[in-house]
Amino acid sequence: MVGPWFSWKALALALLLTGTASAADRININTADASTLQQGLTNVGPQKAQAIVAYRRQHGPFLRVEDLARVKGIGTATVERNRRRMTVGAMAAPTVAPPRRAVPAPVPRR
């Protein structure tokens, strides 16, 4: 019984390692260039990839993967088909702290 158990364990390990590798290989749609978008995403050709880059330059970074559907020529079906291949990356924390409100002085009681 060593043979079947070993092959099952090896298969489980291979699937586990494959799952982590694909998660690390996601395309950051906020930093990828047009050729990376074209090669890594399904139904995204050179014109759509250029449209994504142009939209990002004009409007700023995408906050969610779903925001990609705002690009002309990219529909929700394309976003759903590529959802597991894309990420927007980690959003950076603001560099400037928000202003602090002054605490009112207590009113003396009589």
PDB file of N, CA and C in Angstrom:
ATOM      1  N   MET A   1       0.806  -1.202   0.000  1.00  0.00           N
ATOM      2  CA  MET A   1       0.000   0.000   0.000  1.00  0.00           C
ATOM      3  C   MET A   1       0.844   1.258   0.000  1.00  0.00           C
ATOM      4  N   VAL A   2       2.114   1.144  -0.019  1.00  0.00           N
ATOM      5  CA  VAL A   2       2.972   2.320  -0.026  1.00  0.00           C
ATOM      6  C   VAL A   2       2.848   3.054  -1.353  1.00  0.00           C
ATOM      7  N   GLY A   3       2.701   2.345  -2.468  1.00  0.00           N
ATOM      8  CA  GLY A   3       2.637   2.973  -3.787  1.00  0.00           C
ATOM      9  C   GLY A   3       1.459   3.926  -3.957  1.00  0.00           C
ATOM     10  N   PRO A   4       0.205   3.495  -3.738  1.00  0.00           N
ATOM     11  CA  PRO A   4      -0.934   4.403  -3.927  1.00  0.00           C
ATOM     12  C   PRO A   4      -0.914   5.591  -2.970  1.00  0.00           C
ATOM     13  N   TRP A   5      -0.499   5.370  -1.730  1.00  0.00           N
ATOM     14  CA  TRP A   5      -0.456   6.465  -0.773  1.00  0.00           C
ATOM     15  C   TRP A   5       0.562   7.519  -1.195  1.00  0.00           C
ATOM     16  N   PHE A   6       1.711   7.040  -1.662  1.00  0.00           N
ATOM     17  CA  PHE A   6       2.758   7.962  -2.077  1.00  0.00           C
ATOM     18  C   PHE A   6       2.313   8.783  -3.284  1.00  0.00           C
ATOM     19  N   SER A   7       1.668   8.154  -4.262  1.00  0.00           N
ATOM     20  CA  SER A   7       1.249   8.893  -5.451  1.00  0.00           C
ATOM     21  C   SER A   7       0.164   9.912  -5.101  1.00  0.00           C
ATOM     22  N   TRP A   8      -0.724   9.577  -4.158  1.00  0.00           N
ATOM     23  CA  TRP A   8      -1.764  10.521  -3.754  1.00  0.00           C
ATOM     24  C   TRP A   8      -1.143  11.718  -3.041  1.00  0.00           C
ATOM     25  N   LYS A   9      -0.166  11.450  -2.197  1.00  0.00           N
ATOM     26  CA  LYS A   9       0.495  12.523  -1.460  1.00  0.00           C
ATOM     27  C   LYS A   9       1.282  13.423  -2.414  1.00  0.00           C
ATOM     28  N   ALA A  10       1.953  12.810  -3.386  1.00  0.00           N
ATOM     29  CA  ALA A  10       2.702  13.594  -4.369  1.00  0.00           C
ATOM     30  C   ALA A  10       1.765  14.445  -5.216  1.00  0.00           C
ATOM     31  N   LEU A  11       0.617  13.885  -5.586  1.00  0.00           N
ATOM     32  CA  LEU A  11      -0.364  14.637  -6.366  1.00  0.00           C
ATOM     33  C   LEU A  11      -0.900  15.822  -5.566  1.00  0.00           C
ATOM     34  N   ALA A  12      -1.206  15.595  -4.297  1.00  0.00           N
ATOM     35  CA  ALA A  12      -1.704  16.682  -3.441  1.00  0.00           C
ATOM     36  C   ALA A  12      -0.657  17.779  -3.292  1.00  0.00           C
ATOM     37  N   LEU A  13       0.597  17.405  -3.129  1.00  0.00           N
ATOM     38  CA  LEU A  13       1.670  18.377  -3.009  1.00  0.00           C
ATOM     39  C   LEU A  13       1.830  19.168  -4.305  1.00  0.00           C
ATOM     40  N   ALA A  14       1.760  18.486  -5.443  1.00  0.00           N
ATOM     41  CA  ALA A  14       1.889  19.169  -6.731  1.00  0.00           C
ATOM     42  C   ALA A  14       0.750  20.160  -6.940  1.00  0.00           C
ATOM     43  N   LEU A  15      -0.474  19.773  -6.580  1.00  0.00           N
ATOM     44  CA  LEU A  15      -1.603  20.695  -6.717  1.00  0.00           C
ATOM     45  C   LEU A  15      -1.467  21.886  -5.787  1.00  0.00           C
ATOM     46  N   LEU A  16      -0.970  21.656  -4.602  1.00  0.00           N
ATOM     47  CA  LEU A  16      -0.765  22.737  -3.650  1.00  0.00           C
ATOM     48  C   LEU A  16       0.269  23.730  -4.168  1.00  0.00           C
ATOM     49  N   LEU A  17       1.373  23.223  -4.677  1.00  0.00           N
ATOM     50  CA  LEU A  17       2.420  24.095  -5.199  1.00  0.00           C
ATOM     51  C   LEU A  17       1.974  24.826  -6.451  1.00  0.00           C
ATOM     52  N   THR A  18       1.178  24.195  -7.284  1.00  0.00           N
ATOM     53  CA  THR A  18       0.670  24.839  -8.488  1.00  0.00           C
ATOM     54  C   THR A  18      -0.263  25.975  -8.122  1.00  0.00           C
ATOM     55  N   GLY A  19      -1.086  25.785  -7.111  1.00  0.00           N
ATOM     56  CA  GLY A  19      -2.016  26.827  -6.683  1.00  0.00           C
ATOM     57  C   GLY A  19      -1.296  28.061  -6.178  1.00  0.00           C
ATOM     58  N   THR A  20      -0.218  27.901  -5.429  1.00  0.00           N
ATOM     59  CA  THR A  20       0.500  29.057  -4.917  1.00  0.00           C
ATOM     60  C   THR A  20       1.282  29.751  -6.016  1.00  0.00           C
ATOM     61  N   ALA A  21       1.750  29.004  -6.991  1.00  0.00           N
ATOM     62  CA  ALA A  21       2.500  29.631  -8.076  1.00  0.00           C
ATOM     63  C   ALA A  21       1.594  30.488  -8.930  1.00  0.00           C
ATOM     64  N   SER A  22       0.373  30.047  -9.193  1.00  0.00           N
ATOM     65  CA  SER A  22      -0.511  30.837 -10.027  1.00  0.00           C
ATOM     66  C   SER A  22      -0.974  32.095  -9.315  1.00  0.00           C
ATOM     67  N   ALA A  23      -1.107  32.053  -7.992  1.00  0.00           N
ATOM     68  CA  ALA A  23      -1.496  33.244  -7.249  1.00  0.00           C
ATOM     69  C   ALA A  23      -0.387  34.292  -7.303  1.00  0.00           C
ATOM     70  N   ALA A  24       0.864  33.843  -7.318  1.00  0.00           N
ATOM     71  CA  ALA A  24       1.982  34.777  -7.369  1.00  0.00           C
ATOM     72  C   ALA A  24       2.169  35.351  -8.766  1.00  0.00           C
ATOM     73  N   ASP A  25       1.659  34.679  -9.788  1.00  0.00           N
ATOM     74  CA  ASP A  25       1.850  35.113 -11.163  1.00  0.00           C
ATOM     75  C   ASP A  25       0.738  36.013 -11.669  1.00  0.00           C
ATOM     76  N   ARG A  26      -0.062  36.574 -10.798  1.00  0.00           N
ATOM     77  CA  ARG A  26      -1.131  37.464 -11.232  1.00  0.00           C
ATOM     78  C   ARG A  26      -0.551  38.728 -11.841  1.00  0.00           C
ATOM     79  N   ILE A  27      -1.279  39.287 -12.784  1.00  0.00           N
ATOM     80  CA  ILE A  27      -0.851  40.497 -13.468  1.00  0.00           C
ATOM     81  C   ILE A  27      -1.427  41.695 -12.728  1.00  0.00           C
ATOM     82  N   ASN A  28      -0.569  42.613 -12.326  1.00  0.00           N
ATOM     83  CA  ASN A  28      -1.017  43.838 -11.688  1.00  0.00           C
ATOM     84  C   ASN A  28      -1.452  44.796 -12.792  1.00  0.00           C
ATOM     85  N   ILE A  29      -2.752  45.028 -12.900  1.00  0.00           N
ATOM     86  CA  ILE A  29      -3.258  45.861 -13.993  1.00  0.00           C
ATOM     87  C   ILE A  29      -2.932  47.339 -13.784  1.00  0.00           C
ATOM     88  N   ASN A  30      -2.391  47.699 -12.638  1.00  0.00           N
ATOM     89  CA  ASN A  30      -1.980  49.082 -12.401  1.00  0.00           C
ATOM     90  C   ASN A  30      -0.536  49.350 -12.795  1.00  0.00           C
ATOM     91  N   THR A  31       0.258  48.306 -12.961  1.00  0.00           N
ATOM     92  CA  THR A  31       1.671  48.508 -13.284  1.00  0.00           C
ATOM     93  C   THR A  31       2.112  47.811 -14.568  1.00  0.00           C
ATOM     94  N   ALA A  32       1.311  46.898 -15.089  1.00  0.00           N
ATOM     95  CA  ALA A  32       1.724  46.116 -16.266  1.00  0.00           C
ATOM     96  C   ALA A  32       1.714  46.981 -17.524  1.00  0.00           C
ATOM     97  N   ASP A  33       2.675  46.705 -18.406  1.00  0.00           N
ATOM     98  CA  ASP A  33       2.679  47.405 -19.687  1.00  0.00           C
ATOM     99  C   ASP A  33       1.743  46.689 -20.661  1.00  0.00           C
ATOM    100  N   ALA A  34       1.563  47.276 -21.835  1.00  0.00           N
ATOM    101  CA  ALA A  34       0.599  46.758 -22.808  1.00  0.00           C
ATOM    102  C   ALA A  34       0.937  45.338 -23.254  1.00  0.00           C
ATOM    103  N   SER A  35       2.209  45.034 -23.468  1.00  0.00           N
ATOM    104  CA  SER A  35       2.560  43.691 -23.942  1.00  0.00           C
ATOM    105  C   SER A  35       2.288  42.635 -22.868  1.00  0.00           C
ATOM    106  N   THR A  36       2.508  42.963 -21.602  1.00  0.00           N
ATOM    107  CA  THR A  36       2.226  42.025 -20.520  1.00  0.00           C
ATOM    108  C   THR A  36       0.722  41.775 -20.418  1.00  0.00           C
ATOM    109  N   LEU A  37      -0.070  42.831 -20.533  1.00  0.00           N
ATOM    110  CA  LEU A  37      -1.528  42.682 -20.492  1.00  0.00           C
ATOM    111  C   LEU A  37      -2.013  41.819 -21.650  1.00  0.00           C
ATOM    112  N   GLN A  38      -1.468  42.062 -22.822  1.00  0.00           N
ATOM    113  CA  GLN A  38      -1.876  41.322 -24.016  1.00  0.00           C
ATOM    114  C   GLN A  38      -1.526  39.836 -23.893  1.00  0.00           C
ATOM    115  N   GLN A  39      -0.355  39.522 -23.395  1.00  0.00           N
ATOM    116  CA  GLN A  39       0.082  38.130 -23.299  1.00  0.00           C
ATOM    117  C   GLN A  39      -0.570  37.389 -22.143  1.00  0.00           C
ATOM    118  N   GLY A  40      -0.883  38.088 -21.064  1.00  0.00           N
ATOM    119  CA  GLY A  40      -1.363  37.417 -19.871  1.00  0.00           C
ATOM    120  C   GLY A  40      -2.863  37.312 -19.719  1.00  0.00           C
ATOM    121  N   LEU A  41      -3.624  38.111 -20.462  1.00  0.00           N
ATOM    122  CA  LEU A  41      -5.070  38.126 -20.301  1.00  0.00           C
ATOM    123  C   LEU A  41      -5.768  37.569 -21.543  1.00  0.00           C
ATOM    124  N   THR A  42      -6.840  36.846 -21.320  1.00  0.00           N
ATOM    125  CA  THR A  42      -7.614  36.256 -22.401  1.00  0.00           C
ATOM    126  C   THR A  42      -8.506  37.320 -23.038  1.00  0.00           C
ATOM    127  N   ASN A  43      -8.612  37.293 -24.346  1.00  0.00           N
ATOM    128  CA  ASN A  43      -9.431  38.227 -25.139  1.00  0.00           C
ATOM    129  C   ASN A  43      -8.965  39.670 -25.013  1.00  0.00           C
ATOM    130  N   VAL A  44      -7.692  39.885 -24.752  1.00  0.00           N
ATOM    131  CA  VAL A  44      -7.115  41.223 -24.720  1.00  0.00           C
ATOM    132  C   VAL A  44      -6.002  41.250 -25.759  1.00  0.00           C
ATOM    133  N   GLY A  45      -6.276  41.958 -26.844  1.00  0.00           N
ATOM    134  CA  GLY A  45      -5.300  42.101 -27.915  1.00  0.00           C
ATOM    135  C   GLY A  45      -4.513  43.384 -27.754  1.00  0.00           C
ATOM    136  N   PRO A  46      -3.755  43.761 -28.777  1.00  0.00           N
ATOM    137  CA  PRO A  46      -2.907  44.954 -28.663  1.00  0.00           C
ATOM    138  C   PRO A  46      -3.705  46.248 -28.478  1.00  0.00           C
ATOM    139  N   GLN A  47      -4.844  46.381 -29.142  1.00  0.00           N
ATOM    140  CA  GLN A  47      -5.628  47.614 -29.016  1.00  0.00           C
ATOM    141  C   GLN A  47      -6.263  47.732 -27.634  1.00  0.00           C
ATOM    142  N   LYS A  48      -6.800  46.643 -27.110  1.00  0.00           N
ATOM    143  CA  LYS A  48      -7.400  46.689 -25.775  1.00  0.00           C
ATOM    144  C   LYS A  48      -6.335  46.914 -24.710  1.00  0.00           C
ATOM    145  N   ALA A  49      -5.169  46.318 -24.895  1.00  0.00           N
ATOM    146  CA  ALA A  49      -4.084  46.510 -23.934  1.00  0.00           C
ATOM    147  C   ALA A  49      -3.637  47.970 -23.913  1.00  0.00           C
ATOM    148  N   GLN A  50      -3.527  48.579 -25.091  1.00  0.00           N
ATOM    149  CA  GLN A  50      -3.179  50.008 -25.163  1.00  0.00           C
ATOM    150  C   GLN A  50      -4.274  50.867 -24.545  1.00  0.00           C
ATOM    151  N   ALA A  51      -5.539  50.465 -24.730  1.00  0.00           N
ATOM    152  CA  ALA A  51      -6.655  51.208 -24.144  1.00  0.00           C
ATOM    153  C   ALA A  51      -6.606  51.148 -22.615  1.00  0.00           C
ATOM    154  N   ILE A  52      -6.223  50.009 -22.057  1.00  0.00           N
ATOM    155  CA  ILE A  52      -6.100  49.869 -20.601  1.00  0.00           C
ATOM    156  C   ILE A  52      -5.015  50.802 -20.077  1.00  0.00           C
ATOM    157  N   VAL A  53      -3.861  50.814 -20.736  1.00  0.00           N
ATOM    158  CA  VAL A  53      -2.755  51.664 -20.304  1.00  0.00           C
ATOM    159  C   VAL A  53      -3.135  53.138 -20.430  1.00  0.00           C
ATOM    160  N   ALA A  54      -3.794  53.512 -21.525  1.00  0.00           N
ATOM    161  CA  ALA A  54      -4.214  54.908 -21.722  1.00  0.00           C
ATOM    162  C   ALA A  54      -5.239  55.328 -20.673  1.00  0.00           C
ATOM    163  N   TYR A  55      -6.190  54.453 -20.364  1.00  0.00           N
ATOM    164  CA  TYR A  55      -7.199  54.750 -19.348  1.00  0.00           C
ATOM    165  C   TYR A  55      -6.540  54.953 -17.984  1.00  0.00           C
ATOM    166  N   ARG A  56      -5.580  54.105 -17.679  1.00  0.00           N
ATOM    167  CA  ARG A  56      -4.878  54.195 -16.396  1.00  0.00           C
ATOM    168  C   ARG A  56      -4.090  55.490 -16.285  1.00  0.00           C
ATOM    169  N   ARG A  57      -3.468  55.918 -17.379  1.00  0.00           N
ATOM    170  CA  ARG A  57      -2.725  57.185 -17.366  1.00  0.00           C
ATOM    171  C   ARG A  57      -3.652  58.374 -17.173  1.00  0.00           C
ATOM    172  N   GLN A  58      -4.826  58.317 -17.792  1.00  0.00           N
ATOM    173  CA  GLN A  58      -5.760  59.436 -17.737  1.00  0.00           C
ATOM    174  C   GLN A  58      -6.539  59.500 -16.426  1.00  0.00           C
ATOM    175  N   HIS A  59      -6.942  58.349 -15.898  1.00  0.00           N
ATOM    176  CA  HIS A  59      -7.832  58.318 -14.740  1.00  0.00           C
ATOM    177  C   HIS A  59      -7.178  57.854 -13.445  1.00  0.00           C
ATOM    178  N   GLY A  60      -5.937  57.417 -13.497  1.00  0.00           N
ATOM    179  CA  GLY A  60      -5.277  56.931 -12.289  1.00  0.00           C
ATOM    180  C   GLY A  60      -5.433  55.431 -12.138  1.00  0.00           C
ATOM    181  N   PRO A  61      -4.905  54.889 -11.043  1.00  0.00           N
ATOM    182  CA  PRO A  61      -4.910  53.430 -10.860  1.00  0.00           C
ATOM    183  C   PRO A  61      -6.314  52.875 -10.627  1.00  0.00           C
ATOM    184  N   PHE A  62      -6.463  51.610 -10.977  1.00  0.00           N
ATOM    185  CA  PHE A  62      -7.713  50.899 -10.722  1.00  0.00           C
ATOM    186  C   PHE A  62      -7.762  50.553  -9.237  1.00  0.00           C
ATOM    187  N   LEU A  63      -8.903  50.765  -8.613  1.00  0.00           N
ATOM    188  CA  LEU A  63      -9.045  50.431  -7.200  1.00  0.00           C
ATOM    189  C   LEU A  63      -9.465  48.984  -7.011  1.00  0.00           C
ATOM    190  N   ARG A  64     -10.253  48.462  -7.963  1.00  0.00           N
ATOM    191  CA  ARG A  64     -10.722  47.074  -7.916  1.00  0.00           C
ATOM    192  C   ARG A  64     -10.554  46.478  -9.310  1.00  0.00           C
ATOM    193  N   VAL A  65     -10.501  45.176  -9.385  1.00  0.00           N
ATOM    194  CA  VAL A  65     -10.400  44.494 -10.683  1.00  0.00           C
ATOM    195  C   VAL A  65     -11.631  44.816 -11.538  1.00  0.00           C
ATOM    196  N   GLU A  66     -12.787  44.947 -10.909  1.00  0.00           N
ATOM    197  CA  GLU A  66     -14.029  45.225 -11.629  1.00  0.00           C
ATOM    198  C   GLU A  66     -13.992  46.571 -12.361  1.00  0.00           C
ATOM    199  N   ASP A  67     -13.152  47.498 -11.902  1.00  0.00           N
ATOM    200  CA  ASP A  67     -13.043  48.811 -12.541  1.00  0.00           C
ATOM    201  C   ASP A  67     -12.481  48.720 -13.956  1.00  0.00           C
ATOM    202  N   LEU A  68     -11.889  47.603 -14.296  1.00  0.00           N
ATOM    203  CA  LEU A  68     -11.354  47.415 -15.647  1.00  0.00           C
ATOM    204  C   LEU A  68     -12.462  47.474 -16.688  1.00  0.00           C
ATOM    205  N   ALA A  69     -13.688  47.164 -16.295  1.00  0.00           N
ATOM    206  CA  ALA A  69     -14.816  47.197 -17.225  1.00  0.00           C
ATOM    207  C   ALA A  69     -15.152  48.618 -17.671  1.00  0.00           C
ATOM    208  N   ARG A  70     -14.589  49.626 -17.032  1.00  0.00           N
ATOM    209  CA  ARG A  70     -14.813  51.015 -17.453  1.00  0.00           C
ATOM    210  C   ARG A  70     -14.043  51.375 -18.721  1.00  0.00           C
ATOM    211  N   VAL A  71     -13.057  50.570 -19.061  1.00  0.00           N
ATOM    212  CA  VAL A  71     -12.254  50.813 -20.259  1.00  0.00           C
ATOM    213  C   VAL A  71     -13.087  50.452 -21.481  1.00  0.00           C
ATOM    214  N   LYS A  72     -13.085  51.313 -22.468  1.00  0.00           N
ATOM    215  CA  LYS A  72     -13.842  51.059 -23.688  1.00  0.00           C
ATOM    216  C   LYS A  72     -13.297  49.813 -24.377  1.00  0.00           C
ATOM    217  N   GLY A  73     -14.196  48.876 -24.690  1.00  0.00           N
ATOM    218  CA  GLY A  73     -13.805  47.632 -25.339  1.00  0.00           C
ATOM    219  C   GLY A  73     -13.628  46.469 -24.372  1.00  0.00           C
ATOM    220  N   ILE A  74     -13.628  46.759 -23.075  1.00  0.00           N
ATOM    221  CA  ILE A  74     -13.508  45.712 -22.062  1.00  0.00           C
ATOM    222  C   ILE A  74     -14.863  45.588 -21.372  1.00  0.00           C
ATOM    223  N   GLY A  75     -15.451  44.433 -21.446  1.00  0.00           N
ATOM    224  CA  GLY A  75     -16.747  44.212 -20.817  1.00  0.00           C
ATOM    225  C   GLY A  75     -16.629  43.380 -19.555  1.00  0.00           C
ATOM    226  N   THR A  76     -17.758  43.207 -18.913  1.00  0.00           N
ATOM    227  CA  THR A  76     -17.761  42.424 -17.679  1.00  0.00           C
ATOM    228  C   THR A  76     -17.403  40.962 -17.937  1.00  0.00           C
ATOM    229  N   ALA A  77     -17.744  40.450 -19.119  1.00  0.00           N
ATOM    230  CA  ALA A  77     -17.398  39.062 -19.436  1.00  0.00           C
ATOM    231  C   ALA A  77     -15.877  38.881 -19.491  1.00  0.00           C
ATOM    232  N   THR A  78     -15.176  39.841 -20.062  1.00  0.00           N
ATOM    233  CA  THR A  78     -13.718  39.770 -20.117  1.00  0.00           C
ATOM    234  C   THR A  78     -13.123  39.874 -18.715  1.00  0.00           C
ATOM    235  N   VAL A  79     -13.697  40.732 -17.882  1.00  0.00           N
ATOM    236  CA  VAL A  79     -13.208  40.870 -16.511  1.00  0.00           C
ATOM    237  C   VAL A  79     -13.410  39.561 -15.753  1.00  0.00           C
ATOM    238  N   GLU A  80     -14.585  38.969 -15.874  1.00  0.00           N
ATOM    239  CA  GLU A  80     -14.861  37.715 -15.164  1.00  0.00           C
ATOM    240  C   GLU A  80     -13.978  36.575 -15.662  1.00  0.00           C
ATOM    241  N   ARG A  81     -13.728  36.536 -16.960  1.00  0.00           N
ATOM    242  CA  ARG A  81     -12.896  35.480 -17.537  1.00  0.00           C
ATOM    243  C   ARG A  81     -11.453  35.569 -17.022  1.00  0.00           C
ATOM    244  N   ASN A  82     -10.999  36.788 -16.725  1.00  0.00           N
ATOM    245  CA  ASN A  82      -9.610  36.999 -16.312  1.00  0.00           C
ATOM    246  C   ASN A  82      -9.451  37.316 -14.829  1.00  0.00           C
ATOM    247  N   ARG A  83     -10.516  37.217 -14.062  1.00  0.00           N
ATOM    248  CA  ARG A  83     -10.484  37.640 -12.656  1.00  0.00           C
ATOM    249  C   ARG A  83      -9.338  37.002 -11.870  1.00  0.00           C
ATOM    250  N   ARG A  84      -9.103  35.718 -12.054  1.00  0.00           N
ATOM    251  CA  ARG A  84      -8.044  35.026 -11.298  1.00  0.00           C
ATOM    252  C   ARG A  84      -6.646  35.330 -11.804  1.00  0.00           C
ATOM    253  N   ARG A  85      -6.539  35.976 -12.925  1.00  0.00           N
ATOM    254  CA  ARG A  85      -5.233  36.308 -13.502  1.00  0.00           C
ATOM    255  C   ARG A  85      -4.797  37.730 -13.150  1.00  0.00           C
ATOM    256  N   MET A  86      -5.699  38.525 -12.552  1.00  0.00           N
ATOM    257  CA  MET A  86      -5.424  39.944 -12.343  1.00  0.00           C
ATOM    258  C   MET A  86      -5.417  40.309 -10.865  1.00  0.00           C
ATOM    259  N   THR A  87      -4.705  41.381 -10.581  1.00  0.00           N
ATOM    260  CA  THR A  87      -4.726  41.997  -9.262  1.00  0.00           C
ATOM    261  C   THR A  87      -4.517  43.494  -9.451  1.00  0.00           C
ATOM    262  N   VAL A  88      -4.914  44.266  -8.462  1.00  0.00           N
ATOM    263  CA  VAL A  88      -4.643  45.700  -8.500  1.00  0.00           C
ATOM    264  C   VAL A  88      -3.459  46.036  -7.604  1.00  0.00           C
ATOM    265  N   GLY A  89      -2.886  45.018  -6.969  1.00  0.00           N
ATOM    266  CA  GLY A  89      -1.734  45.219  -6.103  1.00  0.00           C
ATOM    267  C   GLY A  89      -2.163  45.764  -4.758  1.00  0.00           C
ATOM    268  N   ALA A  90      -1.208  45.889  -3.889  1.00  0.00           N
ATOM    269  CA  ALA A  90      -1.483  46.435  -2.554  1.00  0.00           C
ATOM    270  C   ALA A  90      -1.553  47.948  -2.666  1.00  0.00           C
ATOM    271  N   MET A  91      -2.610  48.492  -2.159  1.00  0.00           N
ATOM    272  CA  MET A  91      -2.760  49.934  -2.183  1.00  0.00           C
ATOM    273  C   MET A  91      -1.896  50.531  -1.073  1.00  0.00           C
ATOM    274  N   ALA A  92      -1.127  51.545  -1.405  1.00  0.00           N
ATOM    275  CA  ALA A  92      -0.234  52.173  -0.440  1.00  0.00           C
ATOM    276  C   ALA A  92      -1.034  53.055   0.521  1.00  0.00           C
ATOM    277  N   ALA A  93      -0.565  53.114   1.736  1.00  0.00           N
ATOM    278  CA  ALA A  93      -1.201  53.972   2.732  1.00  0.00           C
ATOM    279  C   ALA A  93      -0.897  55.425   2.399  1.00  0.00           C
ATOM    280  N   PRO A  94      -1.769  56.343   2.772  1.00  0.00           N
ATOM    281  CA  PRO A  94      -1.497  57.756   2.496  1.00  0.00           C
ATOM    282  C   PRO A  94      -0.201  58.192   3.176  1.00  0.00           C
ATOM    283  N   THR A  95       0.553  59.033   2.509  1.00  0.00           N
ATOM    284  CA  THR A  95       1.841  59.466   3.056  1.00  0.00           C
ATOM    285  C   THR A  95       1.670  60.609   4.043  1.00  0.00           C
ATOM    286  N   VAL A  96       0.584  61.352   3.949  1.00  0.00           N
ATOM    287  CA  VAL A  96       0.345  62.468   4.848  1.00  0.00           C
ATOM    288  C   VAL A  96      -0.747  62.070   5.831  1.00  0.00           C
ATOM    289  N   ALA A  97      -0.487  62.266   7.098  1.00  0.00           N
ATOM    290  CA  ALA A  97      -1.482  61.933   8.115  1.00  0.00           C
ATOM    291  C   ALA A  97      -2.613  62.963   8.073  1.00  0.00           C
ATOM    292  N   PRO A  98      -3.839  62.529   8.309  1.00  0.00           N
ATOM    293  CA  PRO A  98      -4.948  63.490   8.304  1.00  0.00           C
ATOM    294  C   PRO A  98      -4.794  64.462   9.467  1.00  0.00           C
ATOM    295  N   PRO A  99      -5.286  65.686   9.301  1.00  0.00           N
ATOM    296  CA  PRO A  99      -5.140  66.668  10.387  1.00  0.00           C
ATOM    297  C   PRO A  99      -5.907  66.221  11.630  1.00  0.00           C
ATOM    298  N   ARG A 100      -5.334  66.509  12.776  1.00  0.00           N
ATOM    299  CA  ARG A 100      -5.968  66.141  14.040  1.00  0.00           C
ATOM    300  C   ARG A 100      -6.858  67.284  14.490  1.00  0.00           C
ATOM    301  N   ARG A 101      -7.973  66.918  15.046  1.00  0.00           N
ATOM    302  CA  ARG A 101      -8.887  67.928  15.563  1.00  0.00           C
ATOM    303  C   ARG A 101      -8.447  68.348  16.960  1.00  0.00           C
ATOM    304  N   ALA A 102      -8.631  69.618  17.221  1.00  0.00           N
ATOM    305  CA  ALA A 102      -8.297  70.117  18.551  1.00  0.00           C
ATOM    306  C   ALA A 102      -9.383  69.672  19.526  1.00  0.00           C
ATOM    307  N   VAL A 103      -8.970  69.264  20.697  1.00  0.00           N
ATOM    308  CA  VAL A 103      -9.914  68.846  21.725  1.00  0.00           C
ATOM    309  C   VAL A 103     -10.365  70.085  22.478  1.00  0.00           C
ATOM    310  N   PRO A 104     -11.666  70.315  22.575  1.00  0.00           N
ATOM    311  CA  PRO A 104     -12.119  71.524  23.281  1.00  0.00           C
ATOM    312  C   PRO A 104     -11.754  71.459  24.762  1.00  0.00           C
ATOM    313  N   ALA A 105     -11.466  72.619  25.295  1.00  0.00           N
ATOM    314  CA  ALA A 105     -11.105  72.713  26.712  1.00  0.00           C
ATOM    315  C   ALA A 105     -12.356  72.434  27.553  1.00  0.00           C
ATOM    316  N   PRO A 106     -12.181  71.766  28.686  1.00  0.00           N
ATOM    317  CA  PRO A 106     -13.356  71.494  29.529  1.00  0.00           C
ATOM    318  C   PRO A 106     -13.904  72.796  30.140  1.00  0.00           C
ATOM    319  N   VAL A 107     -15.178  72.812  30.293  1.00  0.00           N
ATOM    320  CA  VAL A 107     -15.849  73.986  30.861  1.00  0.00           C
ATOM    321  C   VAL A 107     -15.873  73.809  32.386  1.00  0.00           C
ATOM    322  N   PRO A 108     -15.374  74.806  33.142  1.00  0.00           N
ATOM    323  CA  PRO A 108     -15.387  74.646  34.599  1.00  0.00           C
ATOM    324  C   PRO A 108     -16.821  74.692  35.136  1.00  0.00           C
ATOM    325  N   ARG A 109     -17.088  73.866  36.080  1.00  0.00           N
ATOM    326  CA  ARG A 109     -18.422  73.813  36.686  1.00  0.00           C
ATOM    327  C   ARG A 109     -18.410  74.589  37.978  1.00  0.00           C
ATOM    328  N   ARG A 110     -19.517  75.158  38.320  1.00  0.00           N
ATOM    329  CA  ARG A 110     -19.615  75.929  39.555  1.00  0.00           C
ATOM    330  C   ARG A 110     -20.272  75.188  40.643  1.00  0.00           C
TER     331      ARG A 110
END
